[in-house]
Amino acid sequence: MTDHPHMARFQRLDRLSQRLDSIFRIPGTRIRIGFDSIAGLLPVIGDAAATVPAAWIVLESRRMGLPRHKMMRQIGNVAIDGIVGSIPLLGSLFDIGFKANLRNVEILRRHLDRQP
């Protein structure tokens, strides 16, 4: 995929997903968290704020030609993350394990890898 026409755009999405889901390592563990988990600690506002970049990843994926059925999987990941993430504390713990943004970028990566 190194010479793919969407490589620069994909790399931006990949960096964003890393920041949202796994930029920090909890000291003394192998557990990684991101701004999505941290924002989720703020009821309502944090989860709403985390949904904006997640939606942008889905929109950009569509612009890069991701088929509708794969985009629906991405939307499902964002929806699950938003619904479960809205539960105080439990939602942040769920975010640590689920990592919807990393999942969505991986869906896009596999799609782009198969493109000529």
C-alpha atoms as a PDB file:
ATOM      1  CA  MET A   1       0.000   0.000   0.000  1.00  0.00           C
ATOM      2  CA  THR A   2       3.033   2.288   0.073  1.00  0.00           C
ATOM      3  CA  ASP A   3       2.261   3.748  -3.353  1.00  0.00           C
ATOM      4  CA  HIS A   4      -1.519   3.899  -2.971  1.00  0.00           C
ATOM      5  CA  PRO A   5      -3.063   7.221  -4.120  1.00  0.00           C
ATOM      6  CA  HIS A   6      -4.821   7.641  -0.752  1.00  0.00           C
ATOM      7  CA  MET A   7      -1.721   6.893   1.343  1.00  0.00           C
ATOM      8  CA  ALA A   8      -1.294  10.391   2.866  1.00  0.00           C
ATOM      9  CA  ARG A   9      -4.990  10.592   3.736  1.00  0.00           C
ATOM     10  CA  PHE A  10      -4.927   7.092   5.214  1.00  0.00           C
ATOM     11  CA  GLN A  11      -1.861   7.903   7.325  1.00  0.00           C
ATOM     12  CA  ARG A  12      -3.670  10.924   8.821  1.00  0.00           C
ATOM     13  CA  LEU A  13      -6.622   8.702   9.766  1.00  0.00           C
ATOM     14  CA  ASP A  14      -4.269   6.100  11.208  1.00  0.00           C
ATOM     15  CA  ARG A  15      -2.537   8.706  13.394  1.00  0.00           C
ATOM     16  CA  LEU A  16      -5.902  10.073  14.511  1.00  0.00           C
ATOM     17  CA  SER A  17      -7.157   6.606  15.470  1.00  0.00           C
ATOM     18  CA  GLN A  18      -3.961   5.964  17.452  1.00  0.00           C
ATOM     19  CA  ARG A  19      -4.458   9.223  19.374  1.00  0.00           C
ATOM     20  CA  LEU A  20      -8.095   8.461  20.045  1.00  0.00           C
ATOM     21  CA  ASP A  21      -7.632   4.838  21.126  1.00  0.00           C
ATOM     22  CA  SER A  22      -4.072   4.053  22.190  1.00  0.00           C
ATOM     23  CA  ILE A  23      -1.677   6.992  22.533  1.00  0.00           C
ATOM     24  CA  PHE A  24      -0.911   6.440  26.233  1.00  0.00           C
ATOM     25  CA  ARG A  25       0.236   3.321  28.047  1.00  0.00           C
ATOM     26  CA  ILE A  26      -0.940   2.842  31.619  1.00  0.00           C
ATOM     27  CA  PRO A  27       2.323   2.611  33.610  1.00  0.00           C
ATOM     28  CA  GLY A  28       3.226  -0.884  34.743  1.00  0.00           C
ATOM     29  CA  THR A  29       0.794  -2.518  32.298  1.00  0.00           C
ATOM     30  CA  ARG A  30       0.478  -3.286  28.613  1.00  0.00           C
ATOM     31  CA  ILE A  31      -2.886  -1.486  28.530  1.00  0.00           C
ATOM     32  CA  ARG A  32      -3.117   1.426  26.125  1.00  0.00           C
ATOM     33  CA  ILE A  33      -5.710   4.196  26.259  1.00  0.00           C
ATOM     34  CA  GLY A  34      -6.458   7.246  24.176  1.00  0.00           C
ATOM     35  CA  PHE A  35      -8.318  10.499  24.249  1.00  0.00           C
ATOM     36  CA  ASP A  36     -11.613   8.708  23.539  1.00  0.00           C
ATOM     37  CA  SER A  37     -11.396   6.823  26.861  1.00  0.00           C
ATOM     38  CA  ILE A  38     -10.310   9.928  28.724  1.00  0.00           C
ATOM     39  CA  ALA A  39     -13.056  12.092  27.197  1.00  0.00           C
ATOM     40  CA  GLY A  40     -15.586   9.417  28.124  1.00  0.00           C
ATOM     41  CA  LEU A  41     -15.002  10.249  31.774  1.00  0.00           C
ATOM     42  CA  LEU A  42     -16.912  13.499  31.170  1.00  0.00           C
ATOM     43  CA  PRO A  43     -20.582  12.525  31.024  1.00  0.00           C
ATOM     44  CA  VAL A  44     -22.382  13.359  27.763  1.00  0.00           C
ATOM     45  CA  ILE A  45     -19.943  16.062  26.607  1.00  0.00           C
ATOM     46  CA  GLY A  46     -16.946  13.736  26.410  1.00  0.00           C
ATOM     47  CA  ASP A  47     -18.779  11.038  24.477  1.00  0.00           C
ATOM     48  CA  ALA A  48     -20.269  13.578  22.079  1.00  0.00           C
ATOM     49  CA  ALA A  49     -16.843  15.105  21.495  1.00  0.00           C
ATOM     50  CA  ALA A  50     -15.316  11.685  20.806  1.00  0.00           C
ATOM     51  CA  THR A  51     -18.001  10.888  18.230  1.00  0.00           C
ATOM     52  CA  VAL A  52     -16.975  13.760  15.943  1.00  0.00           C
ATOM     53  CA  PRO A  53     -13.539  12.394  14.955  1.00  0.00           C
ATOM     54  CA  ALA A  54     -14.976   8.871  14.798  1.00  0.00           C
ATOM     55  CA  ALA A  55     -17.574  10.084  12.287  1.00  0.00           C
ATOM     56  CA  TRP A  56     -14.846  11.835  10.315  1.00  0.00           C
ATOM     57  CA  ILE A  57     -12.950   8.537   9.965  1.00  0.00           C
ATOM     58  CA  VAL A  58     -16.106   6.950   8.518  1.00  0.00           C
ATOM     59  CA  LEU A  59     -16.698   9.901   6.154  1.00  0.00           C
ATOM     60  CA  GLU A  60     -13.107   9.866   4.916  1.00  0.00           C
ATOM     61  CA  SER A  61     -13.301   6.110   4.425  1.00  0.00           C
ATOM     62  CA  ARG A  62     -16.313   6.619   2.184  1.00  0.00           C
ATOM     63  CA  ARG A  63     -14.455   9.307   0.237  1.00  0.00           C
ATOM     64  CA  MET A  64     -11.632   6.818  -0.321  1.00  0.00           C
ATOM     65  CA  GLY A  65     -14.039   4.334  -1.862  1.00  0.00           C
ATOM     66  CA  LEU A  66     -14.904   2.049   1.041  1.00  0.00           C
ATOM     67  CA  PRO A  67     -17.924  -0.027  -0.043  1.00  0.00           C
ATOM     68  CA  ARG A  68     -21.245   0.524   1.665  1.00  0.00           C
ATOM     69  CA  HIS A  69     -21.277  -2.826   3.529  1.00  0.00           C
ATOM     70  CA  LYS A  70     -17.860  -2.128   5.056  1.00  0.00           C
ATOM     71  CA  MET A  71     -18.896   1.398   5.906  1.00  0.00           C
ATOM     72  CA  MET A  72     -21.920  -0.033   7.722  1.00  0.00           C
ATOM     73  CA  ARG A  73     -19.527  -2.091   9.869  1.00  0.00           C
ATOM     74  CA  GLN A  74     -17.661   1.110  10.709  1.00  0.00           C
ATOM     75  CA  ILE A  75     -20.910   2.881  11.604  1.00  0.00           C
ATOM     76  CA  GLY A  76     -21.845  -0.086  13.781  1.00  0.00           C
ATOM     77  CA  ASN A  77     -18.522   0.203  15.621  1.00  0.00           C
ATOM     78  CA  VAL A  78     -19.108   3.920  16.231  1.00  0.00           C
ATOM     79  CA  ALA A  79     -22.684   3.241  17.394  1.00  0.00           C
ATOM     80  CA  ILE A  80     -21.614   0.500  19.816  1.00  0.00           C
ATOM     81  CA  ASP A  81     -18.843   2.736  21.137  1.00  0.00           C
ATOM     82  CA  GLY A  82     -21.280   5.633  21.564  1.00  0.00           C
ATOM     83  CA  ILE A  83     -24.046   3.625  23.228  1.00  0.00           C
ATOM     84  CA  VAL A  84     -21.902   1.640  25.642  1.00  0.00           C
ATOM     85  CA  GLY A  85     -19.530   4.588  26.054  1.00  0.00           C
ATOM     86  CA  SER A  86     -22.363   6.729  27.382  1.00  0.00           C
ATOM     87  CA  ILE A  87     -22.577   4.586  30.523  1.00  0.00           C
ATOM     88  CA  PRO A  88     -20.533   6.372  33.206  1.00  0.00           C
ATOM     89  CA  LEU A  89     -17.220   4.674  34.045  1.00  0.00           C
ATOM     90  CA  LEU A  90     -18.238   1.364  32.464  1.00  0.00           C
ATOM     91  CA  GLY A  91     -18.203   3.125  29.099  1.00  0.00           C
ATOM     92  CA  SER A  92     -14.619   4.288  29.557  1.00  0.00           C
ATOM     93  CA  LEU A  93     -13.558   0.778  30.527  1.00  0.00           C
ATOM     94  CA  PHE A  94     -15.322  -0.538  27.423  1.00  0.00           C
ATOM     95  CA  ASP A  95     -13.497   2.029  25.255  1.00  0.00           C
ATOM     96  CA  ILE A  96     -10.163   0.735  26.528  1.00  0.00           C
ATOM     97  CA  GLY A  97     -10.923  -2.721  25.156  1.00  0.00           C
ATOM     98  CA  PHE A  98     -13.129  -2.048  22.134  1.00  0.00           C
ATOM     99  CA  LYS A  99     -11.116   0.694  20.343  1.00  0.00           C
ATOM    100  CA  ALA A 100     -13.677   1.487  17.636  1.00  0.00           C
ATOM    101  CA  ASN A 101     -11.442   3.931  15.782  1.00  0.00           C
ATOM    102  CA  LEU A 102      -8.574   1.478  15.431  1.00  0.00           C
ATOM    103  CA  ARG A 103     -11.084  -1.135  14.235  1.00  0.00           C
ATOM    104  CA  ASN A 104     -12.459   1.265  11.633  1.00  0.00           C
ATOM    105  CA  VAL A 105      -9.051   2.223  10.300  1.00  0.00           C
ATOM    106  CA  GLU A 106      -8.182  -1.482  10.064  1.00  0.00           C
ATOM    107  CA  ILE A 107     -11.333  -2.066   7.964  1.00  0.00           C
ATOM    108  CA  LEU A 108     -10.156   0.709   5.658  1.00  0.00           C
ATOM    109  CA  ARG A 109      -6.560  -0.616   5.603  1.00  0.00           C
ATOM    110  CA  ARG A 110      -7.686  -4.091   4.509  1.00  0.00           C
ATOM    111  CA  HIS A 111      -9.874  -2.563   1.801  1.00  0.00           C
ATOM    112  CA  LEU A 112      -7.072  -0.350   0.455  1.00  0.00           C
ATOM    113  CA  ASP A 113      -4.575  -3.227   0.562  1.00  0.00           C
ATOM    114  CA  ARG A 114      -6.784  -5.142  -1.864  1.00  0.00           C
ATOM    115  CA  GLN A 115      -6.955  -2.231  -4.313  1.00  0.00           C
ATOM    116  CA  PRO A 116      -4.631  -2.202  -7.334  1.00  0.00           C
END
